[in-house]
Amino acid sequence: MAKKKEVSARQTQALDIERIKRRLDMLDNRLDNIDSVVSAVAERVMKQPISLILTCPHCGKNIEVAIIGSEKPSQ
């Protein structure tokens, strides 16, 4: 009876480890996708000026933030 519990505990541990591995792989894939999106946005911003207009939640004034990037010419 004790051996069955021990085997069952080992199987449970193995299943838990597999589940953790799958979750880590999914997280890694998601982070790779986020990195790709952020890189694409950064490349676009570097090619053209972008302007953000934010409204202050306290005073209600509009705040404009302009980002101007310069791209080095490729050779």
C-alpha atoms as a PDB file:
ATOM      1  CA  MET A   1       0.000   0.000   0.000  1.00  0.00           C
ATOM      2  CA  ALA A   2       2.853   2.371   0.836  1.00  0.00           C
ATOM      3  CA  LYS A   3       4.477   1.667  -2.532  1.00  0.00           C
ATOM      4  CA  LYS A   4       1.276   2.588  -4.357  1.00  0.00           C
ATOM      5  CA  LYS A   5       1.134   5.929  -2.540  1.00  0.00           C
ATOM      6  CA  GLU A   6       4.794   6.540  -3.308  1.00  0.00           C
ATOM      7  CA  VAL A   7       4.305   5.761  -7.006  1.00  0.00           C
ATOM      8  CA  SER A   8       1.194   7.914  -7.090  1.00  0.00           C
ATOM      9  CA  ALA A   9       3.072  10.803  -5.466  1.00  0.00           C
ATOM     10  CA  ARG A  10       5.877  10.471  -8.039  1.00  0.00           C
ATOM     11  CA  GLN A  11       3.388  10.474 -10.901  1.00  0.00           C
ATOM     12  CA  THR A  12       1.692  13.544  -9.457  1.00  0.00           C
ATOM     13  CA  GLN A  13       5.070  15.296  -9.191  1.00  0.00           C
ATOM     14  CA  ALA A  14       5.929  14.362 -12.767  1.00  0.00           C
ATOM     15  CA  LEU A  15       2.593  15.730 -13.991  1.00  0.00           C
ATOM     16  CA  ASP A  16       3.113  18.940 -12.031  1.00  0.00           C
ATOM     17  CA  ILE A  17       6.589  19.363 -13.519  1.00  0.00           C
ATOM     18  CA  GLU A  18       5.229  18.833 -17.041  1.00  0.00           C
ATOM     19  CA  ARG A  19       2.471  21.369 -16.418  1.00  0.00           C
ATOM     20  CA  ILE A  20       5.009  23.923 -15.177  1.00  0.00           C
ATOM     21  CA  LYS A  21       7.216  23.298 -18.234  1.00  0.00           C
ATOM     22  CA  ARG A  22       4.252  23.868 -20.592  1.00  0.00           C
ATOM     23  CA  ARG A  23       3.308  27.073 -18.804  1.00  0.00           C
ATOM     24  CA  LEU A  24       6.884  28.368 -18.964  1.00  0.00           C
ATOM     25  CA  ASP A  25       7.005  27.596 -22.691  1.00  0.00           C
ATOM     26  CA  MET A  26       3.724  29.469 -23.228  1.00  0.00           C
ATOM     27  CA  LEU A  27       5.056  32.435 -21.242  1.00  0.00           C
ATOM     28  CA  ASP A  28       8.268  32.404 -23.288  1.00  0.00           C
ATOM     29  CA  ASN A  29       6.275  32.444 -26.536  1.00  0.00           C
ATOM     30  CA  ARG A  30       4.120  35.312 -25.309  1.00  0.00           C
ATOM     31  CA  LEU A  31       7.162  37.339 -24.296  1.00  0.00           C
ATOM     32  CA  ASP A  32       8.710  36.714 -27.720  1.00  0.00           C
ATOM     33  CA  ASN A  33       5.526  37.969 -29.387  1.00  0.00           C
ATOM     34  CA  ILE A  34       5.460  41.076 -27.185  1.00  0.00           C
ATOM     35  CA  ASP A  35       9.115  41.737 -28.026  1.00  0.00           C
ATOM     36  CA  SER A  36       8.352  41.503 -31.753  1.00  0.00           C
ATOM     37  CA  VAL A  37       5.453  43.948 -31.480  1.00  0.00           C
ATOM     38  CA  VAL A  38       7.456  46.447 -29.422  1.00  0.00           C
ATOM     39  CA  SER A  39      10.350  46.242 -31.882  1.00  0.00           C
ATOM     40  CA  ALA A  40       8.035  46.870 -34.831  1.00  0.00           C
ATOM     41  CA  VAL A  41       6.485  49.894 -33.116  1.00  0.00           C
ATOM     42  CA  ALA A  42       9.916  51.283 -32.232  1.00  0.00           C
ATOM     43  CA  GLU A  43      11.042  50.941 -35.849  1.00  0.00           C
ATOM     44  CA  ARG A  44       7.978  52.842 -37.052  1.00  0.00           C
ATOM     45  CA  VAL A  45       8.502  55.600 -34.500  1.00  0.00           C
ATOM     46  CA  MET A  46      12.106  56.016 -35.567  1.00  0.00           C
ATOM     47  CA  LYS A  47      11.028  56.569 -39.170  1.00  0.00           C
ATOM     48  CA  GLN A  48       8.471  59.335 -38.585  1.00  0.00           C
ATOM     49  CA  PRO A  49       7.458  61.843 -35.918  1.00  0.00           C
ATOM     50  CA  ILE A  50       4.683  60.868 -33.560  1.00  0.00           C
ATOM     51  CA  SER A  51       2.612  63.072 -31.280  1.00  0.00           C
ATOM     52  CA  LEU A  52       0.694  61.971 -28.192  1.00  0.00           C
ATOM     53  CA  ILE A  53      -1.945  64.173 -26.604  1.00  0.00           C
ATOM     54  CA  LEU A  54      -2.812  63.272 -23.024  1.00  0.00           C
ATOM     55  CA  THR A  55      -5.358  64.841 -20.708  1.00  0.00           C
ATOM     56  CA  CYS A  56      -4.259  65.431 -17.119  1.00  0.00           C
ATOM     57  CA  PRO A  57      -6.650  63.608 -14.765  1.00  0.00           C
ATOM     58  CA  HIS A  58      -6.196  66.276 -12.077  1.00  0.00           C
ATOM     59  CA  CYS A  59      -6.488  69.613 -13.878  1.00  0.00           C
ATOM     60  CA  GLY A  60      -8.011  68.554 -17.214  1.00  0.00           C
ATOM     61  CA  LYS A  61      -5.345  70.303 -19.333  1.00  0.00           C
ATOM     62  CA  ASN A  62      -4.105  68.710 -22.525  1.00  0.00           C
ATOM     63  CA  ILE A  63      -0.455  67.713 -22.587  1.00  0.00           C
ATOM     64  CA  GLU A  64       1.225  67.141 -25.936  1.00  0.00           C
ATOM     65  CA  VAL A  65       4.266  64.900 -26.138  1.00  0.00           C
ATOM     66  CA  ALA A  66       6.109  64.881 -29.451  1.00  0.00           C
ATOM     67  CA  ILE A  67       8.593  62.147 -30.250  1.00  0.00           C
ATOM     68  CA  ILE A  68      10.876  62.719 -33.182  1.00  0.00           C
ATOM     69  CA  GLY A  69      13.250  59.978 -34.139  1.00  0.00           C
ATOM     70  CA  SER A  70      16.078  60.017 -36.587  1.00  0.00           C
ATOM     71  CA  GLU A  71      17.128  56.964 -38.468  1.00  0.00           C
ATOM     72  CA  LYS A  72      20.733  56.479 -39.462  1.00  0.00           C
ATOM     73  CA  PRO A  73      21.081  56.005 -43.183  1.00  0.00           C
ATOM     74  CA  SER A  74      21.918  52.444 -44.080  1.00  0.00           C
ATOM     75  CA  GLN A  75      24.984  51.905 -46.224  1.00  0.00           C
END
